[in-house]
mmCIF file of all heavy atoms, coordinates in Angstrom:
data_MODEL
# 
_entry.id   MODEL 
# 
loop_
_atom_site.group_PDB 
_atom_site.id 
_atom_site.type_symbol 
_atom_site.label_atom_id 
_atom_site.label_alt_id 
_atom_site.label_comp_id 
_atom_site.label_asym_id 
_atom_site.label_entity_id 
_atom_site.label_seq_id 
_atom_site.pdbx_PDB_ins_code 
_atom_site.Cartn_x 
_atom_site.Cartn_y 
_atom_site.Cartn_z 
_atom_site.occupancy 
_atom_site.B_iso_or_equiv 
_atom_site.pdbx_formal_charge 
_atom_site.auth_seq_id 
_atom_site.auth_comp_id 
_atom_site.auth_asym_id 
_atom_site.auth_atom_id 
_atom_site.pdbx_PDB_model_num 
ATOM 1   N N   . ALA A 1 1  ? 0.832  -1.222  0.000   1.00 0.00 ? 1  ALA A N   1 
ATOM 2   C CA  . ALA A 1 1  ? 0.000  0.000   0.000   1.00 0.00 ? 1  ALA A CA  1 
ATOM 3   C C   . ALA A 1 1  ? 0.856  1.258   0.000   1.00 0.00 ? 1  ALA A C   1 
ATOM 4   O O   . ALA A 1 1  ? 0.549  2.237   -0.692  1.00 0.00 ? 1  ALA A O   1 
ATOM 5   C CB  . ALA A 1 1  ? -0.922 -0.017  1.218   1.00 0.00 ? 1  ALA A CB  1 
ATOM 6   N N   . LEU A 1 2  ? 1.940  1.240   0.764   1.00 0.00 ? 2  LEU A N   1 
ATOM 7   C CA  . LEU A 1 2  ? 2.781  2.437   0.873   1.00 0.00 ? 2  LEU A CA  1 
ATOM 8   C C   . LEU A 1 2  ? 3.588  2.700   -0.393  1.00 0.00 ? 2  LEU A C   1 
ATOM 9   O O   . LEU A 1 2  ? 3.789  3.857   -0.779  1.00 0.00 ? 2  LEU A O   1 
ATOM 10  C CB  . LEU A 1 2  ? 3.736  2.300   2.066   1.00 0.00 ? 2  LEU A CB  1 
ATOM 11  C CG  . LEU A 1 2  ? 3.101  2.391   3.457   1.00 0.00 ? 2  LEU A CG  1 
ATOM 12  C CD1 . LEU A 1 2  ? 4.129  2.030   4.519   1.00 0.00 ? 2  LEU A CD1 1 
ATOM 13  C CD2 . LEU A 1 2  ? 2.527  3.773   3.726   1.00 0.00 ? 2  LEU A CD2 1 
ATOM 14  N N   . LEU A 1 3  ? 4.050  1.637   -1.040  1.00 0.00 ? 3  LEU A N   1 
ATOM 15  C CA  . LEU A 1 3  ? 4.906  1.796   -2.223  1.00 0.00 ? 3  LEU A CA  1 
ATOM 16  C C   . LEU A 1 3  ? 4.052  2.043   -3.462  1.00 0.00 ? 3  LEU A C   1 
ATOM 17  O O   . LEU A 1 3  ? 4.001  1.246   -4.392  1.00 0.00 ? 3  LEU A O   1 
ATOM 18  C CB  . LEU A 1 3  ? 5.791  0.551   -2.397  1.00 0.00 ? 3  LEU A CB  1 
ATOM 19  C CG  . LEU A 1 3  ? 6.783  0.322   -1.247  1.00 0.00 ? 3  LEU A CG  1 
ATOM 20  C CD1 . LEU A 1 3  ? 7.438  -1.046  -1.380  1.00 0.00 ? 3  LEU A CD1 1 
ATOM 21  C CD2 . LEU A 1 3  ? 7.832  1.423   -1.203  1.00 0.00 ? 3  LEU A CD2 1 
ATOM 22  N N   . CYS A 1 4  ? 3.388  3.192   -3.451  1.00 0.00 ? 4  CYS A N   1 
ATOM 23  C CA  . CYS A 1 4  ? 2.430  3.507   -4.508  1.00 0.00 ? 4  CYS A CA  1 
ATOM 24  C C   . CYS A 1 4  ? 2.796  4.849   -5.159  1.00 0.00 ? 4  CYS A C   1 
ATOM 25  O O   . CYS A 1 4  ? 3.633  5.598   -4.649  1.00 0.00 ? 4  CYS A O   1 
ATOM 26  C CB  . CYS A 1 4  ? 1.014  3.579   -3.933  1.00 0.00 ? 4  CYS A CB  1 
ATOM 27  S SG  . CYS A 1 4  ? 0.792  4.920   -2.731  1.00 0.00 ? 4  CYS A SG  1 
ATOM 28  N N   . GLN A 1 5  ? 2.140  5.153   -6.262  1.00 0.00 ? 5  GLN A N   1 
ATOM 29  C CA  . GLN A 1 5  ? 2.436  6.395   -6.991  1.00 0.00 ? 5  GLN A CA  1 
ATOM 30  C C   . GLN A 1 5  ? 2.220  7.630   -6.129  1.00 0.00 ? 5  GLN A C   1 
ATOM 31  O O   . GLN A 1 5  ? 2.923  8.633   -6.284  1.00 0.00 ? 5  GLN A O   1 
ATOM 32  C CB  . GLN A 1 5  ? 1.569  6.478   -8.259  1.00 0.00 ? 5  GLN A CB  1 
ATOM 33  C CG  . GLN A 1 5  ? 1.956  5.483   -9.330  1.00 0.00 ? 5  GLN A CG  1 
ATOM 34  C CD  . GLN A 1 5  ? 3.425  5.591   -9.716  1.00 0.00 ? 5  GLN A CD  1 
ATOM 35  O OE1 . GLN A 1 5  ? 3.964  6.686   -9.882  1.00 0.00 ? 5  GLN A OE1 1 
ATOM 36  N NE2 . GLN A 1 5  ? 4.099  4.454   -9.848  1.00 0.00 ? 5  GLN A NE2 1 
ATOM 37  N N   . GLU A 1 6  ? 1.262  7.576   -5.218  1.00 0.00 ? 6  GLU A N   1 
ATOM 38  C CA  . GLU A 1 6  ? 0.988  8.731   -4.353  1.00 0.00 ? 6  GLU A CA  1 
ATOM 39  C C   . GLU A 1 6  ? 2.213  9.074   -3.505  1.00 0.00 ? 6  GLU A C   1 
ATOM 40  O O   . GLU A 1 6  ? 2.570  10.245  -3.348  1.00 0.00 ? 6  GLU A O   1 
ATOM 41  C CB  . GLU A 1 6  ? -0.225 8.441   -3.469  1.00 0.00 ? 6  GLU A CB  1 
ATOM 42  C CG  . GLU A 1 6  ? -0.644 9.584   -2.571  1.00 0.00 ? 6  GLU A CG  1 
ATOM 43  C CD  . GLU A 1 6  ? -1.288 10.761  -3.300  1.00 0.00 ? 6  GLU A CD  1 
ATOM 44  O OE1 . GLU A 1 6  ? -1.414 10.722  -4.557  1.00 0.00 ? 6  GLU A OE1 1 
ATOM 45  O OE2 . GLU A 1 6  ? -1.660 11.734  -2.628  1.00 0.00 ? 6  GLU A OE2 1 
ATOM 46  N N   . MET A 1 7  ? 2.868  8.054   -2.939  1.00 0.00 ? 7  MET A N   1 
ATOM 47  C CA  . MET A 1 7  ? 4.065  8.328   -2.135  1.00 0.00 ? 7  MET A CA  1 
ATOM 48  C C   . MET A 1 7  ? 5.205  8.851   -3.010  1.00 0.00 ? 7  MET A C   1 
ATOM 49  O O   . MET A 1 7  ? 5.894  9.798   -2.641  1.00 0.00 ? 7  MET A O   1 
ATOM 50  C CB  . MET A 1 7  ? 4.541  7.089   -1.376  1.00 0.00 ? 7  MET A CB  1 
ATOM 51  C CG  . MET A 1 7  ? 5.723  7.423   -0.457  1.00 0.00 ? 7  MET A CG  1 
ATOM 52  S SD  . MET A 1 7  ? 6.306  6.063   0.554   1.00 0.00 ? 7  MET A SD  1 
ATOM 53  C CE  . MET A 1 7  ? 7.133  5.062   -0.681  1.00 0.00 ? 7  MET A CE  1 
ATOM 54  N N   . PHE A 1 8  ? 5.384  8.251   -4.179  1.00 0.00 ? 8  PHE A N   1 
ATOM 55  C CA  . PHE A 1 8  ? 6.460  8.691   -5.068  1.00 0.00 ? 8  PHE A CA  1 
ATOM 56  C C   . PHE A 1 8  ? 6.220  10.127  -5.551  1.00 0.00 ? 8  PHE A C   1 
ATOM 57  O O   . PHE A 1 8  ? 7.163  10.889  -5.777  1.00 0.00 ? 8  PHE A O   1 
ATOM 58  C CB  . PHE A 1 8  ? 6.595  7.743   -6.255  1.00 0.00 ? 8  PHE A CB  1 
ATOM 59  C CG  . PHE A 1 8  ? 6.770  6.289   -5.858  1.00 0.00 ? 8  PHE A CG  1 
ATOM 60  C CD1 . PHE A 1 8  ? 6.189  5.271   -6.600  1.00 0.00 ? 8  PHE A CD1 1 
ATOM 61  C CD2 . PHE A 1 8  ? 7.515  5.939   -4.736  1.00 0.00 ? 8  PHE A CD2 1 
ATOM 62  C CE1 . PHE A 1 8  ? 6.350  3.943   -6.242  1.00 0.00 ? 8  PHE A CE1 1 
ATOM 63  C CE2 . PHE A 1 8  ? 7.677  4.606   -4.362  1.00 0.00 ? 8  PHE A CE2 1 
ATOM 64  C CZ  . PHE A 1 8  ? 7.097  3.609   -5.122  1.00 0.00 ? 8  PHE A CZ  1 
ATOM 65  N N   . ARG A 1 9  ? 4.942  10.496  -5.675  1.00 0.00 ? 9  ARG A N   1 
ATOM 66  C CA  . ARG A 1 9  ? 4.597  11.859  -6.092  1.00 0.00 ? 9  ARG A CA  1 
ATOM 67  C C   . ARG A 1 9  ? 4.851  12.855  -4.956  1.00 0.00 ? 9  ARG A C   1 
ATOM 68  O O   . ARG A 1 9  ? 5.404  13.932  -5.159  1.00 0.00 ? 9  ARG A O   1 
ATOM 69  C CB  . ARG A 1 9  ? 3.126  11.914  -6.508  1.00 0.00 ? 9  ARG A CB  1 
ATOM 70  C CG  . ARG A 1 9  ? 2.658  13.270  -7.006  1.00 0.00 ? 9  ARG A CG  1 
ATOM 71  C CD  . ARG A 1 9  ? 1.169  13.270  -7.317  1.00 0.00 ? 9  ARG A CD  1 
ATOM 72  N NE  . ARG A 1 9  ? 0.333  13.173  -6.133  1.00 0.00 ? 9  ARG A NE  1 
ATOM 73  C CZ  . ARG A 1 9  ? 0.070  14.198  -5.307  1.00 0.00 ? 9  ARG A CZ  1 
ATOM 74  N NH1 . ARG A 1 9  ? 0.593  15.399  -5.523  1.00 0.00 ? 9  ARG A NH1 1 
ATOM 75  N NH2 . ARG A 1 9  ? -0.708 14.018  -4.267  1.00 0.00 ? 9  ARG A NH2 1 
ATOM 76  N N   . LEU A 1 10 ? 4.446  12.476  -3.737  1.00 0.00 ? 10 LEU A N   1 
ATOM 77  C CA  . LEU A 1 10 ? 4.589  13.372  -2.588  1.00 0.00 ? 10 LEU A CA  1 
ATOM 78  C C   . LEU A 1 10 ? 6.043  13.547  -2.161  1.00 0.00 ? 10 LEU A C   1 
ATOM 79  O O   . LEU A 1 10 ? 6.423  14.588  -1.638  1.00 0.00 ? 10 LEU A O   1 
ATOM 80  C CB  . LEU A 1 10 ? 3.769  12.834  -1.403  1.00 0.00 ? 10 LEU A CB  1 
ATOM 81  C CG  . LEU A 1 10 ? 2.255  12.937  -1.525  1.00 0.00 ? 10 LEU A CG  1 
ATOM 82  C CD1 . LEU A 1 10 ? 1.573  12.123  -0.431  1.00 0.00 ? 10 LEU A CD1 1 
ATOM 83  C CD2 . LEU A 1 10 ? 1.800  14.390  -1.462  1.00 0.00 ? 10 LEU A CD2 1 
ATOM 84  N N   . ASP A 1 11 ? 6.860  12.514  -2.362  1.00 0.00 ? 11 ASP A N   1 
ATOM 85  C CA  . ASP A 1 11 ? 8.267  12.588  -1.974  1.00 0.00 ? 11 ASP A CA  1 
ATOM 86  C C   . ASP A 1 11 ? 9.140  12.059  -3.110  1.00 0.00 ? 11 ASP A C   1 
ATOM 87  O O   . ASP A 1 11 ? 9.465  10.872  -3.164  1.00 0.00 ? 11 ASP A O   1 
ATOM 88  C CB  . ASP A 1 11 ? 8.518  11.780  -0.695  1.00 0.00 ? 11 ASP A CB  1 
ATOM 89  C CG  . ASP A 1 11 ? 9.936  11.993  -0.155  1.00 0.00 ? 11 ASP A CG  1 
ATOM 90  O OD1 . ASP A 1 11 ? 10.760 12.585  -0.883  1.00 0.00 ? 11 ASP A OD1 1 
ATOM 91  O OD2 . ASP A 1 11 ? 10.210 11.570  0.984   1.00 0.00 ? 11 ASP A OD2 1 
ATOM 92  N N   . PRO A 1 12 ? 9.533  12.940  -4.023  1.00 0.00 ? 12 PRO A N   1 
ATOM 93  C CA  . PRO A 1 12 ? 10.322 12.522  -5.190  1.00 0.00 ? 12 PRO A CA  1 
ATOM 94  C C   . PRO A 1 12 ? 11.714 11.996  -4.833  1.00 0.00 ? 12 PRO A C   1 
ATOM 95  O O   . PRO A 1 12 ? 12.391 11.428  -5.690  1.00 0.00 ? 12 PRO A O   1 
ATOM 96  C CB  . PRO A 1 12 ? 10.439 13.804  -6.029  1.00 0.00 ? 12 PRO A CB  1 
ATOM 97  C CG  . PRO A 1 12 ? 9.375  14.720  -5.505  1.00 0.00 ? 12 PRO A CG  1 
ATOM 98  C CD  . PRO A 1 12 ? 9.201  14.372  -4.067  1.00 0.00 ? 12 PRO A CD  1 
ATOM 99  N N   . SER A 1 13 ? 12.134 12.161  -3.570  1.00 0.00 ? 13 SER A N   1 
ATOM 100 C CA  . SER A 1 13 ? 13.453 11.647  -3.177  1.00 0.00 ? 13 SER A CA  1 
ATOM 101 C C   . SER A 1 13 ? 13.439 10.131  -2.970  1.00 0.00 ? 13 SER A C   1 
ATOM 102 O O   . SER A 1 13 ? 14.491 9.499   -2.876  1.00 0.00 ? 13 SER A O   1 
ATOM 103 C CB  . SER A 1 13 ? 13.931 12.336  -1.891  1.00 0.00 ? 13 SER A CB  1 
ATOM 104 O OG  . SER A 1 13 ? 13.186 11.880  -0.779  1.00 0.00 ? 13 SER A OG  1 
ATOM 105 N N   . VAL A 1 14 ? 12.238 9.546   -2.885  1.00 0.00 ? 14 VAL A N   1 
ATOM 106 C CA  . VAL A 1 14 ? 12.116 8.096   -2.716  1.00 0.00 ? 14 VAL A CA  1 
ATOM 107 C C   . VAL A 1 14 ? 12.143 7.432   -4.094  1.00 0.00 ? 14 VAL A C   1 
ATOM 108 O O   . VAL A 1 14 ? 11.377 7.814   -4.975  1.00 0.00 ? 14 VAL A O   1 
ATOM 109 C CB  . VAL A 1 14 ? 10.796 7.739   -1.990  1.00 0.00 ? 14 VAL A CB  1 
ATOM 110 C CG1 . VAL A 1 14 ? 10.585 6.229   -1.939  1.00 0.00 ? 14 VAL A CG1 1 
ATOM 111 C CG2 . VAL A 1 14 ? 10.798 8.321   -0.588  1.00 0.00 ? 14 VAL A CG2 1 
ATOM 112 N N   . PRO A 1 15 ? 13.025 6.432   -4.310  1.00 0.00 ? 15 PRO A N   1 
ATOM 113 C CA  . PRO A 1 15 ? 13.049 5.746   -5.614  1.00 0.00 ? 15 PRO A CA  1 
ATOM 114 C C   . PRO A 1 15 ? 11.680 5.132   -5.931  1.00 0.00 ? 15 PRO A C   1 
ATOM 115 O O   . PRO A 1 15 ? 11.115 4.438   -5.084  1.00 0.00 ? 15 PRO A O   1 
ATOM 116 C CB  . PRO A 1 15 ? 14.097 4.643   -5.412  1.00 0.00 ? 15 PRO A CB  1 
ATOM 117 C CG  . PRO A 1 15 ? 14.937 5.115   -4.272  1.00 0.00 ? 15 PRO A CG  1 
ATOM 118 C CD  . PRO A 1 15 ? 14.035 5.918   -3.389  1.00 0.00 ? 15 PRO A CD  1 
ATOM 119 N N   . PRO A 1 16 ? 11.128 5.406   -7.119  1.00 0.00 ? 16 PRO A N   1 
ATOM 120 C CA  . PRO A 1 16 ? 9.759  4.944   -7.445  1.00 0.00 ? 16 PRO A CA  1 
ATOM 121 C C   . PRO A 1 16 ? 9.719  3.459   -7.835  1.00 0.00 ? 16 PRO A C   1 
ATOM 122 O O   . PRO A 1 16 ? 9.400  3.104   -8.954  1.00 0.00 ? 16 PRO A O   1 
ATOM 123 C CB  . PRO A 1 16 ? 9.362  5.852   -8.611  1.00 0.00 ? 16 PRO A CB  1 
ATOM 124 C CG  . PRO A 1 16 ? 10.666 6.173   -9.273  1.00 0.00 ? 16 PRO A CG  1 
ATOM 125 C CD  . PRO A 1 16 ? 11.701 6.231   -8.189  1.00 0.00 ? 16 PRO A CD  1 
ATOM 126 N N   . ILE A 1 17 ? 10.045 2.608   -6.872  1.00 0.00 ? 17 ILE A N   1 
ATOM 127 C CA  . ILE A 1 17 ? 10.071 1.160   -7.120  1.00 0.00 ? 17 ILE A CA  1 
ATOM 128 C C   . ILE A 1 17 ? 8.877  0.533   -6.406  1.00 0.00 ? 17 ILE A C   1 
ATOM 129 O O   . ILE A 1 17 ? 8.826  0.517   -5.170  1.00 0.00 ? 17 ILE A O   1 
ATOM 130 C CB  . ILE A 1 17 ? 11.371 0.537   -6.589  1.00 0.00 ? 17 ILE A CB  1 
ATOM 131 C CG1 . ILE A 1 17 ? 12.586 1.260   -7.164  1.00 0.00 ? 17 ILE A CG1 1 
ATOM 132 C CG2 . ILE A 1 17 ? 11.423 -0.955  -6.902  1.00 0.00 ? 17 ILE A CG2 1 
ATOM 133 C CD1 . ILE A 1 17 ? 13.893 0.921   -6.476  1.00 0.00 ? 17 ILE A CD1 1 
ATOM 134 N N   . PRO A 1 18 ? 7.906  0.021   -7.155  1.00 0.00 ? 18 PRO A N   1 
ATOM 135 C CA  . PRO A 1 18 ? 6.714  -0.556  -6.501  1.00 0.00 ? 18 PRO A CA  1 
ATOM 136 C C   . PRO A 1 18 ? 7.024  -1.866  -5.786  1.00 0.00 ? 18 PRO A C   1 
ATOM 137 O O   . PRO A 1 18 ? 8.114  -2.437  -5.930  1.00 0.00 ? 18 PRO A O   1 
ATOM 138 C CB  . PRO A 1 18 ? 5.740  -0.775  -7.663  1.00 0.00 ? 18 PRO A CB  1 
ATOM 139 C CG  . PRO A 1 18 ? 6.599  -0.847  -8.879  1.00 0.00 ? 18 PRO A CG  1 
ATOM 140 C CD  . PRO A 1 18 ? 7.809  -0.009  -8.612  1.00 0.00 ? 18 PRO A CD  1 
ATOM 141 N N   . PHE A 1 19 ? 6.071  -2.328  -5.027  1.00 0.00 ? 19 PHE A N   1 
ATOM 142 C CA  . PHE A 1 19 ? 6.193  -3.594  -4.283  1.00 0.00 ? 19 PHE A CA  1 
ATOM 143 C C   . PHE A 1 19 ? 6.300  -4.757  -5.261  1.00 0.00 ? 19 PHE A C   1 
ATOM 144 O O   . PHE A 1 19 ? 5.585  -4.808  -6.259  1.00 0.00 ? 19 PHE A O   1 
ATOM 145 C CB  . PHE A 1 19 ? 4.951  -3.770  -3.404  1.00 0.00 ? 19 PHE A CB  1 
ATOM 146 C CG  . PHE A 1 19 ? 4.995  -4.960  -2.499  1.00 0.00 ? 19 PHE A CG  1 
ATOM 147 C CD1 . PHE A 1 19 ? 5.666  -4.902  -1.292  1.00 0.00 ? 19 PHE A CD1 1 
ATOM 148 C CD2 . PHE A 1 19 ? 4.354  -6.142  -2.846  1.00 0.00 ? 19 PHE A CD2 1 
ATOM 149 C CE1 . PHE A 1 19 ? 5.697  -5.996  -0.438  1.00 0.00 ? 19 PHE A CE1 1 
ATOM 150 C CE2 . PHE A 1 19 ? 4.377  -7.239  -2.007  1.00 0.00 ? 19 PHE A CE2 1 
ATOM 151 C CZ  . PHE A 1 19 ? 5.049  -7.162  -0.799  1.00 0.00 ? 19 PHE A CZ  1 
ATOM 152 N N   . ASN A 1 20 ? 7.205  -5.690  -4.981  1.00 0.00 ? 20 ASN A N   1 
ATOM 153 C CA  . ASN A 1 20 ? 7.409  -6.843  -5.862  1.00 0.00 ? 20 ASN A CA  1 
ATOM 154 C C   . ASN A 1 20 ? 7.026  -8.121  -5.120  1.00 0.00 ? 20 ASN A C   1 
ATOM 155 O O   . ASN A 1 20 ? 7.760  -8.594  -4.253  1.00 0.00 ? 20 ASN A O   1 
ATOM 156 C CB  . ASN A 1 20 ? 8.878  -6.899  -6.309  1.00 0.00 ? 20 ASN A CB  1 
ATOM 157 C CG  . ASN A 1 20 ? 9.114  -7.967  -7.365  1.00 0.00 ? 20 ASN A CG  1 
ATOM 158 O OD1 . ASN A 1 20 ? 8.398  -8.959  -7.438  1.00 0.00 ? 20 ASN A OD1 1 
ATOM 159 N ND2 . ASN A 1 20 ? 10.132 -7.759  -8.186  1.00 0.00 ? 20 ASN A ND2 1 
ATOM 160 N N   . GLU A 1 21 ? 5.870  -8.663  -5.458  1.00 0.00 ? 21 GLU A N   1 
ATOM 161 C CA  . GLU A 1 21 ? 5.358  -9.863  -4.792  1.00 0.00 ? 21 GLU A CA  1 
ATOM 162 C C   . GLU A 1 21 ? 6.298  -11.062 -4.985  1.00 0.00 ? 21 GLU A C   1 
ATOM 163 O O   . GLU A 1 21 ? 6.457  -11.890 -4.089  1.00 0.00 ? 21 GLU A O   1 
ATOM 164 C CB  . GLU A 1 21 ? 3.975  -10.208 -5.356  1.00 0.00 ? 21 GLU A CB  1 
ATOM 165 C CG  . GLU A 1 21 ? 3.177  -11.182 -4.518  1.00 0.00 ? 21 GLU A CG  1 
ATOM 166 C CD  . GLU A 1 21 ? 2.573  -10.557 -3.267  1.00 0.00 ? 21 GLU A CD  1 
ATOM 167 O OE1 . GLU A 1 21 ? 2.023  -9.442  -3.365  1.00 0.00 ? 21 GLU A OE1 1 
ATOM 168 O OE2 . GLU A 1 21 ? 2.679  -11.180 -2.208  1.00 0.00 ? 21 GLU A OE2 1 
ATOM 169 N N   . GLU A 1 22 ? 6.953  -11.124 -6.136  1.00 0.00 ? 22 GLU A N   1 
ATOM 170 C CA  . GLU A 1 22 ? 7.836  -12.259 -6.413  1.00 0.00 ? 22 GLU A CA  1 
ATOM 171 C C   . GLU A 1 22 ? 9.033  -12.290 -5.462  1.00 0.00 ? 22 GLU A C   1 
ATOM 172 O O   . GLU A 1 22 ? 9.467  -13.353 -5.029  1.00 0.00 ? 22 GLU A O   1 
ATOM 173 C CB  . GLU A 1 22 ? 8.331  -12.209 -7.865  1.00 0.00 ? 22 GLU A CB  1 
ATOM 174 C CG  . GLU A 1 22 ? 7.257  -12.593 -8.869  1.00 0.00 ? 22 GLU A CG  1 
ATOM 175 C CD  . GLU A 1 22 ? 7.774  -12.494 -10.303 1.00 0.00 ? 22 GLU A CD  1 
ATOM 176 O OE1 . GLU A 1 22 ? 8.998  -12.581 -10.503 1.00 0.00 ? 22 GLU A OE1 1 
ATOM 177 O OE2 . GLU A 1 22 ? 6.932  -12.327 -11.205 1.00 0.00 ? 22 GLU A OE2 1 
ATOM 178 N N   . VAL A 1 23 ? 9.552  -11.114 -5.143  1.00 0.00 ? 23 VAL A N   1 
ATOM 179 C CA  . VAL A 1 23 ? 10.678 -11.048 -4.215  1.00 0.00 ? 23 VAL A CA  1 
ATOM 180 C C   . VAL A 1 23 ? 10.249 -11.548 -2.840  1.00 0.00 ? 23 VAL A C   1 
ATOM 181 O O   . VAL A 1 23 ? 10.966 -12.290 -2.173  1.00 0.00 ? 23 VAL A O   1 
ATOM 182 C CB  . VAL A 1 23 ? 11.230 -9.605  -4.117  1.00 0.00 ? 23 VAL A CB  1 
ATOM 183 C CG1 . VAL A 1 23 ? 12.245 -9.478  -2.978  1.00 0.00 ? 23 VAL A CG1 1 
ATOM 184 C CG2 . VAL A 1 23 ? 11.860 -9.201  -5.433  1.00 0.00 ? 23 VAL A CG2 1 
ATOM 185 N N   . ARG A 1 24 ? 9.056  -11.157 -2.421  1.00 0.00 ? 24 ARG A N   1 
ATOM 186 C CA  . ARG A 1 24 ? 8.559  -11.595 -1.098  1.00 0.00 ? 24 ARG A CA  1 
ATOM 187 C C   . ARG A 1 24 ? 8.406  -13.105 -1.046  1.00 0.00 ? 24 ARG A C   1 
ATOM 188 O O   . ARG A 1 24 ? 8.705  -13.744 -0.035  1.00 0.00 ? 24 ARG A O   1 
ATOM 189 C CB  . ARG A 1 24 ? 7.215  -10.929 -0.800  1.00 0.00 ? 24 ARG A CB  1 
ATOM 190 C CG  . ARG A 1 24 ? 6.646  -11.369 0.548   1.00 0.00 ? 24 ARG A CG  1 
ATOM 191 C CD  . ARG A 1 24 ? 5.446  -10.537 0.909   1.00 0.00 ? 24 ARG A CD  1 
ATOM 192 N NE  . ARG A 1 24 ? 4.213  -11.068 0.433   1.00 0.00 ? 24 ARG A NE  1 
ATOM 193 C CZ  . ARG A 1 24 ? 3.460  -11.940 1.121   1.00 0.00 ? 24 ARG A CZ  1 
ATOM 194 N NH1 . ARG A 1 24 ? 3.872  -12.398 2.291   1.00 0.00 ? 24 ARG A NH1 1 
ATOM 195 N NH2 . ARG A 1 24 ? 2.312  -12.356 0.630   1.00 0.00 ? 24 ARG A NH2 1 
ATOM 196 N N   . LEU A 1 25 ? 7.917  -13.682 -2.132  1.00 0.00 ? 25 LEU A N   1 
ATOM 197 C CA  . LEU A 1 25 ? 7.610  -15.116 -2.131  1.00 0.00 ? 25 LEU A CA  1 
ATOM 198 C C   . LEU A 1 25 ? 8.803  -15.976 -2.535  1.00 0.00 ? 25 LEU A C   1 
ATOM 199 O O   . LEU A 1 25 ? 8.724  -17.197 -2.486  1.00 0.00 ? 25 LEU A O   1 
ATOM 200 C CB  . LEU A 1 25 ? 6.424  -15.383 -3.051  1.00 0.00 ? 25 LEU A CB  1 
ATOM 201 C CG  . LEU A 1 25 ? 5.121  -14.689 -2.663  1.00 0.00 ? 25 LEU A CG  1 
ATOM 202 C CD1 . LEU A 1 25 ? 4.048  -14.917 -3.707  1.00 0.00 ? 25 LEU A CD1 1 
ATOM 203 C CD2 . LEU A 1 25 ? 4.631  -15.169 -1.307  1.00 0.00 ? 25 LEU A CD2 1 
ATOM 204 N N   . ARG A 1 26 ? 9.876  -15.356 -2.965  1.00 0.00 ? 26 ARG A N   1 
ATOM 205 C CA  . ARG A 1 26 ? 11.039 -16.118 -3.408  1.00 0.00 ? 26 ARG A CA  1 
ATOM 206 C C   . ARG A 1 26 ? 11.561 -16.996 -2.279  1.00 0.00 ? 26 ARG A C   1 
ATOM 207 O O   . ARG A 1 26 ? 11.744 -16.546 -1.150  1.00 0.00 ? 26 ARG A O   1 
ATOM 208 C CB  . ARG A 1 26 ? 12.140 -15.158 -3.856  1.00 0.00 ? 26 ARG A CB  1 
ATOM 209 C CG  . ARG A 1 26 ? 13.278 -15.841 -4.636  1.00 0.00 ? 26 ARG A CG  1 
ATOM 210 C CD  . ARG A 1 26 ? 14.280 -14.795 -5.090  1.00 0.00 ? 26 ARG A CD  1 
ATOM 211 N NE  . ARG A 1 26 ? 13.699 -13.907 -6.084  1.00 0.00 ? 26 ARG A NE  1 
ATOM 212 C CZ  . ARG A 1 26 ? 14.156 -12.693 -6.353  1.00 0.00 ? 26 ARG A CZ  1 
ATOM 213 N NH1 . ARG A 1 26 ? 15.173 -12.223 -5.655  1.00 0.00 ? 26 ARG A NH1 1 
ATOM 214 N NH2 . ARG A 1 26 ? 13.604 -11.956 -7.276  1.00 0.00 ? 26 ARG A NH2 1 
# 
């Protein structure tokens, strides 16, 4: 929920990398 376009828009200093379900389940 946090790693969304709204956060990347509000704080451009955060790298705009969305959540990756595959990494979690690896």
